[in-house]
Amino acid sequence: MPNDKALRFEAEKLQKKEMYKLMSGSVVPRPIAWVSSKSRKGILNLAPFSFFTVASPEPPILAISIGQGPSVESRDTKTKDTLANILASEEFVINVVPESLANAMHESSKPYHEEEDEFKRAGLTPQKSMSVEVPSVLESPVAFECKLEQTIQFGENHMVFGRVKQVHVQEDIYLEGYKTDINQWKPLARLAVDYASLSNPFTLPKE
């Protein structure tokens, strides 16, 4: 695409919603962190976040960005239950999302009251963790148990860094050499408002 045909937008002059559309529709596809957490009252929470990446393999750090969420009681926004739980307990689990769990993931994304258990709403099974009190999603092929390492606030968003303490990989998708068979578990990706499947992976020749 020739640069002289490019549209140019000055970021500081864009409204938040406009910048979000450009970023979320251009930084694609994105993996989905399906985050399980637990409230002070012991209520389980499960929610997907697509602003998610590996921050560092050594130390093993995963990063998710959590913004404000809609309030069940009003049209206002509030701190998402996931963030409130993580800040309170300093632990959480990041579960990956295969295509087969797309509907369950979507169900867990709805703005339920903080007293509701999204595991039950989505028809999923809590799996006891080994290093944290928060359960993983039994049906998820890979889960990372995390302890809160650090949070950084940017406006209304919090970048949450979790240090991985334990990794669960289902036996049927594990390959030798600490790899997973993505053709077997078929990761789901987020686009702008839509989702995508990994339909045609390919390899480029090595030099």
C-alpha atoms as a PDB file:
ATOM      1  CA  MET A   1       0.000   0.000   0.000  1.00  0.00           C
ATOM      2  CA  PRO A   2       1.676   3.280  -1.126  1.00  0.00           C
ATOM      3  CA  ASN A   3       2.354   5.653   1.748  1.00  0.00           C
ATOM      4  CA  ASP A   4       1.132   8.681  -0.240  1.00  0.00           C
ATOM      5  CA  LYS A   5      -2.365   7.146  -0.195  1.00  0.00           C
ATOM      6  CA  ALA A   6      -2.398   6.620   3.576  1.00  0.00           C
ATOM      7  CA  LEU A   7      -4.847   8.416   5.826  1.00  0.00           C
ATOM      8  CA  ARG A   8      -3.192  10.053   8.811  1.00  0.00           C
ATOM      9  CA  PHE A   9      -4.724  10.520  12.244  1.00  0.00           C
ATOM     10  CA  GLU A  10      -3.207  12.564  15.053  1.00  0.00           C
ATOM     11  CA  ALA A  11      -3.762  10.423  18.123  1.00  0.00           C
ATOM     12  CA  GLU A  12      -4.218  13.316  20.553  1.00  0.00           C
ATOM     13  CA  LYS A  13      -7.116  14.663  18.481  1.00  0.00           C
ATOM     14  CA  LEU A  14      -9.045  11.395  18.431  1.00  0.00           C
ATOM     15  CA  GLN A  15     -11.723  10.532  20.953  1.00  0.00           C
ATOM     16  CA  LYS A  16     -11.187   7.451  23.102  1.00  0.00           C
ATOM     17  CA  LYS A  17     -13.742   5.407  21.150  1.00  0.00           C
ATOM     18  CA  GLU A  18     -12.180   6.367  17.814  1.00  0.00           C
ATOM     19  CA  MET A  19      -8.679   5.418  18.942  1.00  0.00           C
ATOM     20  CA  TYR A  20      -9.990   2.145  20.351  1.00  0.00           C
ATOM     21  CA  LYS A  21     -11.576   1.236  17.010  1.00  0.00           C
ATOM     22  CA  LEU A  22      -8.360   1.919  15.091  1.00  0.00           C
ATOM     23  CA  MET A  23      -6.202  -0.022  17.530  1.00  0.00           C
ATOM     24  CA  SER A  24      -8.484  -3.007  18.150  1.00  0.00           C
ATOM     25  CA  GLY A  25      -9.255  -3.340  14.443  1.00  0.00           C
ATOM     26  CA  SER A  26      -5.623  -3.100  13.334  1.00  0.00           C
ATOM     27  CA  VAL A  27      -3.665  -4.954  16.017  1.00  0.00           C
ATOM     28  CA  VAL A  28      -5.088  -8.313  14.982  1.00  0.00           C
ATOM     29  CA  PRO A  29      -5.447 -11.214  15.435  1.00  0.00           C
ATOM     30  CA  ARG A  30      -5.104 -11.197  19.216  1.00  0.00           C
ATOM     31  CA  PRO A  31      -5.012 -14.178  21.578  1.00  0.00           C
ATOM     32  CA  ILE A  32      -7.611 -14.294  24.334  1.00  0.00           C
ATOM     33  CA  ALA A  33      -6.779 -14.528  28.024  1.00  0.00           C
ATOM     34  CA  TRP A  34      -9.694 -16.193  29.792  1.00  0.00           C
ATOM     35  CA  VAL A  35      -9.012 -15.008  33.314  1.00  0.00           C
ATOM     36  CA  SER A  36     -10.356 -16.789  36.360  1.00  0.00           C
ATOM     37  CA  SER A  37     -10.254 -15.004  39.709  1.00  0.00           C
ATOM     38  CA  LYS A  38     -11.919 -15.177  43.110  1.00  0.00           C
ATOM     39  CA  SER A  39     -13.544 -12.440  45.187  1.00  0.00           C
ATOM     40  CA  ARG A  40     -12.996 -11.833  48.895  1.00  0.00           C
ATOM     41  CA  LYS A  41     -16.297 -13.662  49.470  1.00  0.00           C
ATOM     42  CA  GLY A  42     -15.021 -16.696  47.558  1.00  0.00           C
ATOM     43  CA  ILE A  43     -17.189 -16.115  44.481  1.00  0.00           C
ATOM     44  CA  LEU A  44     -15.559 -17.266  41.240  1.00  0.00           C
ATOM     45  CA  ASN A  45     -15.216 -14.890  38.321  1.00  0.00           C
ATOM     46  CA  LEU A  46     -14.334 -15.712  34.721  1.00  0.00           C
ATOM     47  CA  ALA A  47     -13.877 -13.164  31.929  1.00  0.00           C
ATOM     48  CA  PRO A  48     -12.058 -12.907  28.560  1.00  0.00           C
ATOM     49  CA  PHE A  49      -9.520 -10.209  27.663  1.00  0.00           C
ATOM     50  CA  SER A  50      -7.914  -9.850  24.239  1.00  0.00           C
ATOM     51  CA  PHE A  51      -5.346  -7.168  25.087  1.00  0.00           C
ATOM     52  CA  PHE A  52      -3.026  -9.991  26.140  1.00  0.00           C
ATOM     53  CA  THR A  53       0.531 -11.099  25.463  1.00  0.00           C
ATOM     54  CA  VAL A  54       3.721 -12.712  26.770  1.00  0.00           C
ATOM     55  CA  ALA A  55       5.764 -10.012  28.495  1.00  0.00           C
ATOM     56  CA  SER A  56       8.796 -12.177  29.320  1.00  0.00           C
ATOM     57  CA  PRO A  57       9.781 -15.871  29.240  1.00  0.00           C
ATOM     58  CA  GLU A  58      12.440 -15.390  31.956  1.00  0.00           C
ATOM     59  CA  PRO A  59      11.083 -14.516  34.399  1.00  0.00           C
ATOM     60  CA  PRO A  60       7.843 -16.006  33.044  1.00  0.00           C
ATOM     61  CA  ILE A  61       5.474 -13.032  32.883  1.00  0.00           C
ATOM     62  CA  LEU A  62       2.127 -12.728  31.109  1.00  0.00           C
ATOM     63  CA  ALA A  63       0.425  -9.358  30.615  1.00  0.00           C
ATOM     64  CA  ILE A  64      -3.217  -8.397  30.215  1.00  0.00           C
ATOM     65  CA  SER A  65      -4.799  -4.971  29.902  1.00  0.00           C
ATOM     66  CA  ILE A  66      -8.039  -4.507  31.845  1.00  0.00           C
ATOM     67  CA  GLY A  67     -10.245  -1.478  31.288  1.00  0.00           C
ATOM     68  CA  GLN A  68     -13.464  -0.281  32.855  1.00  0.00           C
ATOM     69  CA  GLY A  69     -16.559  -2.465  32.560  1.00  0.00           C
ATOM     70  CA  PRO A  70     -20.307  -1.793  32.319  1.00  0.00           C
ATOM     71  CA  SER A  71     -22.276  -1.661  35.537  1.00  0.00           C
ATOM     72  CA  VAL A  72     -25.195  -4.062  35.942  1.00  0.00           C
ATOM     73  CA  GLU A  73     -27.145  -1.510  37.975  1.00  0.00           C
ATOM     74  CA  SER A  74     -26.661   1.521  35.693  1.00  0.00           C
ATOM     75  CA  ARG A  75     -25.181   2.774  32.438  1.00  0.00           C
ATOM     76  CA  ASP A  76     -22.050   3.894  34.229  1.00  0.00           C
ATOM     77  CA  THR A  77     -18.746   2.053  34.068  1.00  0.00           C
ATOM     78  CA  LYS A  78     -16.924   0.560  37.016  1.00  0.00           C
ATOM     79  CA  THR A  79     -13.781  -1.342  37.897  1.00  0.00           C
ATOM     80  CA  LYS A  80     -14.136  -4.811  36.438  1.00  0.00           C
ATOM     81  CA  ASP A  81     -14.589  -7.629  38.918  1.00  0.00           C
ATOM     82  CA  THR A  82     -11.518  -9.367  37.496  1.00  0.00           C
ATOM     83  CA  LEU A  83      -9.251  -6.424  38.322  1.00  0.00           C
ATOM     84  CA  ALA A  84     -10.782  -5.918  41.772  1.00  0.00           C
ATOM     85  CA  ASN A  85     -10.263  -9.602  42.565  1.00  0.00           C
ATOM     86  CA  ILE A  86      -6.674  -9.642  41.314  1.00  0.00           C
ATOM     87  CA  LEU A  87      -5.732  -6.539  43.303  1.00  0.00           C
ATOM     88  CA  ALA A  88      -7.294  -8.025  46.434  1.00  0.00           C
ATOM     89  CA  SER A  89      -5.934 -11.584  46.222  1.00  0.00           C
ATOM     90  CA  GLU A  90      -2.835 -10.997  44.071  1.00  0.00           C
ATOM     91  CA  GLU A  91      -3.440 -14.202  42.137  1.00  0.00           C
ATOM     92  CA  PHE A  92      -5.341 -15.401  39.081  1.00  0.00           C
ATOM     93  CA  VAL A  93      -5.304 -17.999  36.312  1.00  0.00           C
ATOM     94  CA  ILE A  94      -5.080 -17.342  32.574  1.00  0.00           C
ATOM     95  CA  ASN A  95      -6.840 -20.042  30.564  1.00  0.00           C
ATOM     96  CA  VAL A  96      -6.557 -20.245  26.774  1.00  0.00           C
ATOM     97  CA  VAL A  97      -9.660 -20.377  24.586  1.00  0.00           C
ATOM     98  CA  PRO A  98     -10.074 -23.043  21.878  1.00  0.00           C
ATOM     99  CA  GLU A  99     -12.707 -22.759  19.155  1.00  0.00           C
ATOM    100  CA  SER A 100     -14.782 -25.410  20.908  1.00  0.00           C
ATOM    101  CA  LEU A 101     -15.306 -23.103  23.912  1.00  0.00           C
ATOM    102  CA  ALA A 102     -16.202 -19.962  21.954  1.00  0.00           C
ATOM    103  CA  ASN A 103     -19.820 -19.906  23.125  1.00  0.00           C
ATOM    104  CA  ALA A 104     -18.878 -20.516  26.752  1.00  0.00           C
ATOM    105  CA  MET A 105     -16.272 -17.755  26.556  1.00  0.00           C
ATOM    106  CA  HIS A 106     -18.851 -15.377  25.077  1.00  0.00           C
ATOM    107  CA  GLU A 107     -21.313 -16.240  27.848  1.00  0.00           C
ATOM    108  CA  SER A 108     -18.713 -15.396  30.494  1.00  0.00           C
ATOM    109  CA  SER A 109     -18.097 -11.986  28.893  1.00  0.00           C
ATOM    110  CA  LYS A 110     -21.571 -10.690  29.777  1.00  0.00           C
ATOM    111  CA  PRO A 111     -21.887  -8.080  32.578  1.00  0.00           C
ATOM    112  CA  TYR A 112     -23.131 -10.279  35.401  1.00  0.00           C
ATOM    113  CA  HIS A 113     -23.541  -9.060  38.955  1.00  0.00           C
ATOM    114  CA  GLU A 114     -20.401  -9.518  41.049  1.00  0.00           C
ATOM    115  CA  GLU A 115     -22.226 -12.066  43.204  1.00  0.00           C
ATOM    116  CA  GLU A 116     -22.753 -14.411  40.238  1.00  0.00           C
ATOM    117  CA  ASP A 117     -20.431 -17.290  39.406  1.00  0.00           C
ATOM    118  CA  GLU A 118     -19.460 -17.142  35.709  1.00  0.00           C
ATOM    119  CA  PHE A 119     -18.212 -20.725  35.790  1.00  0.00           C
ATOM    120  CA  LYS A 120     -21.771 -21.853  36.480  1.00  0.00           C
ATOM    121  CA  ARG A 121     -23.239 -19.413  33.967  1.00  0.00           C
ATOM    122  CA  ALA A 122     -20.952 -20.727  31.221  1.00  0.00           C
ATOM    123  CA  GLY A 123     -21.392 -24.391  32.191  1.00  0.00           C
ATOM    124  CA  LEU A 124     -17.697 -24.867  32.977  1.00  0.00           C
ATOM    125  CA  THR A 125     -15.839 -26.912  35.574  1.00  0.00           C
ATOM    126  CA  PRO A 126     -13.494 -25.293  38.131  1.00  0.00           C
ATOM    127  CA  GLN A 127     -10.240 -27.251  38.394  1.00  0.00           C
ATOM    128  CA  LYS A 128      -8.271 -26.936  41.654  1.00  0.00           C
ATOM    129  CA  SER A 129      -4.952 -25.174  41.144  1.00  0.00           C
ATOM    130  CA  MET A 130      -1.619 -26.175  42.664  1.00  0.00           C
ATOM    131  CA  SER A 131       0.009 -22.836  43.522  1.00  0.00           C
ATOM    132  CA  VAL A 132      -2.931 -20.413  43.832  1.00  0.00           C
ATOM    133  CA  GLU A 133      -6.379 -20.507  45.428  1.00  0.00           C
ATOM    134  CA  VAL A 134      -8.079 -19.611  42.145  1.00  0.00           C
ATOM    135  CA  PRO A 135      -9.235 -22.568  40.011  1.00  0.00           C
ATOM    136  CA  SER A 136      -8.524 -23.001  36.320  1.00  0.00           C
ATOM    137  CA  VAL A 137     -11.054 -23.989  33.658  1.00  0.00           C
ATOM    138  CA  LEU A 138     -10.925 -27.780  33.433  1.00  0.00           C
ATOM    139  CA  GLU A 139     -12.110 -27.720  29.805  1.00  0.00           C
ATOM    140  CA  SER A 140      -9.349 -25.313  28.703  1.00  0.00           C
ATOM    141  CA  PRO A 141      -6.365 -27.052  27.037  1.00  0.00           C
ATOM    142  CA  VAL A 142      -3.750 -24.790  28.673  1.00  0.00           C
ATOM    143  CA  ALA A 143      -3.849 -22.803  31.905  1.00  0.00           C
ATOM    144  CA  PHE A 144      -1.267 -20.570  33.598  1.00  0.00           C
ATOM    145  CA  GLU A 145      -1.454 -20.103  37.355  1.00  0.00           C
ATOM    146  CA  CYS A 146      -0.224 -16.587  38.115  1.00  0.00           C
ATOM    147  CA  LYS A 147       0.789 -14.436  41.059  1.00  0.00           C
ATOM    148  CA  LEU A 148       0.414 -10.694  40.620  1.00  0.00           C
ATOM    149  CA  GLU A 149       3.801  -9.181  39.814  1.00  0.00           C
ATOM    150  CA  GLN A 150       2.912  -5.574  39.049  1.00  0.00           C
ATOM    151  CA  THR A 151       0.191  -3.289  37.726  1.00  0.00           C
ATOM    152  CA  ILE A 152       0.651  -0.107  35.722  1.00  0.00           C
ATOM    153  CA  GLN A 153      -2.244   2.282  35.170  1.00  0.00           C
ATOM    154  CA  PHE A 154      -2.743   4.101  31.869  1.00  0.00           C
ATOM    155  CA  GLY A 155      -5.853   6.284  32.066  1.00  0.00           C
ATOM    156  CA  GLU A 156      -8.792   3.979  32.823  1.00  0.00           C
ATOM    157  CA  ASN A 157      -6.802   0.866  31.918  1.00  0.00           C
ATOM    158  CA  HIS A 158      -4.576  -1.269  34.110  1.00  0.00           C
ATOM    159  CA  MET A 159      -1.755  -3.348  32.673  1.00  0.00           C
ATOM    160  CA  VAL A 160      -1.600  -6.441  34.857  1.00  0.00           C
ATOM    161  CA  PHE A 161       1.599  -8.482  34.913  1.00  0.00           C
ATOM    162  CA  GLY A 162       1.361 -11.999  36.302  1.00  0.00           C
ATOM    163  CA  ARG A 163       4.300 -14.239  37.174  1.00  0.00           C
ATOM    164  CA  VAL A 164       3.550 -17.772  36.024  1.00  0.00           C
ATOM    165  CA  LYS A 165       3.890 -20.300  38.849  1.00  0.00           C
ATOM    166  CA  GLN A 166       2.373 -23.421  37.293  1.00  0.00           C
ATOM    167  CA  VAL A 167       1.322 -24.464  33.785  1.00  0.00           C
ATOM    168  CA  HIS A 168      -1.363 -27.042  32.980  1.00  0.00           C
ATOM    169  CA  VAL A 169      -1.346 -28.637  29.500  1.00  0.00           C
ATOM    170  CA  GLN A 170      -3.845 -31.307  28.497  1.00  0.00           C
ATOM    171  CA  GLU A 171      -2.020 -34.479  27.542  1.00  0.00           C
ATOM    172  CA  ASP A 172      -3.726 -34.903  24.164  1.00  0.00           C
ATOM    173  CA  ILE A 173      -2.438 -31.555  22.839  1.00  0.00           C
ATOM    174  CA  TYR A 174       1.099 -31.771  24.244  1.00  0.00           C
ATOM    175  CA  LEU A 175       4.032 -32.273  21.861  1.00  0.00           C
ATOM    176  CA  GLU A 176       7.595 -33.181  22.815  1.00  0.00           C
ATOM    177  CA  GLY A 177       9.917 -30.291  23.562  1.00  0.00           C
ATOM    178  CA  TYR A 178       7.398 -28.296  25.620  1.00  0.00           C
ATOM    179  CA  LYS A 179       5.206 -27.457  22.644  1.00  0.00           C
ATOM    180  CA  THR A 180       1.460 -27.640  22.118  1.00  0.00           C
ATOM    181  CA  ASP A 181      -0.314 -28.864  19.000  1.00  0.00           C
ATOM    182  CA  ILE A 182      -2.250 -25.785  17.873  1.00  0.00           C
ATOM    183  CA  ASN A 183      -3.816 -27.778  15.048  1.00  0.00           C
ATOM    184  CA  GLN A 184      -5.302 -30.010  17.730  1.00  0.00           C
ATOM    185  CA  TRP A 185      -6.632 -27.432  20.186  1.00  0.00           C
ATOM    186  CA  LYS A 186      -7.381 -24.697  17.606  1.00  0.00           C
ATOM    187  CA  PRO A 187      -6.909 -21.382  19.424  1.00  0.00           C
ATOM    188  CA  LEU A 188      -9.574 -18.715  19.068  1.00  0.00           C
ATOM    189  CA  ALA A 189      -8.446 -15.187  18.169  1.00  0.00           C
ATOM    190  CA  ARG A 190     -10.100 -11.783  18.532  1.00  0.00           C
ATOM    191  CA  LEU A 191     -10.395  -9.302  15.694  1.00  0.00           C
ATOM    192  CA  ALA A 192     -12.210  -5.965  16.096  1.00  0.00           C
ATOM    193  CA  VAL A 193     -15.684  -7.153  17.100  1.00  0.00           C
ATOM    194  CA  ASP A 194     -15.453 -10.561  15.447  1.00  0.00           C
ATOM    195  CA  TYR A 195     -13.456 -13.708  16.150  1.00  0.00           C
ATOM    196  CA  ALA A 196     -11.188 -15.825  13.963  1.00  0.00           C
ATOM    197  CA  SER A 197      -9.930 -19.385  13.835  1.00  0.00           C
ATOM    198  CA  LEU A 198      -6.466 -20.595  12.923  1.00  0.00           C
ATOM    199  CA  SER A 199      -7.497 -22.148   9.622  1.00  0.00           C
ATOM    200  CA  ASN A 200      -4.303 -22.158   7.563  1.00  0.00           C
ATOM    201  CA  PRO A 201      -0.998 -22.024   9.498  1.00  0.00           C
ATOM    202  CA  PHE A 202       2.139 -22.155   7.355  1.00  0.00           C
ATOM    203  CA  THR A 203       5.916 -22.195   7.688  1.00  0.00           C
ATOM    204  CA  LEU A 204       8.397 -19.915   5.938  1.00  0.00           C
ATOM    205  CA  PRO A 205      11.765 -21.327   4.820  1.00  0.00           C
ATOM    206  CA  LYS A 206      14.692 -20.891   7.203  1.00  0.00           C
ATOM    207  CA  GLU A 207      17.877 -19.273   5.974  1.00  0.00           C
END
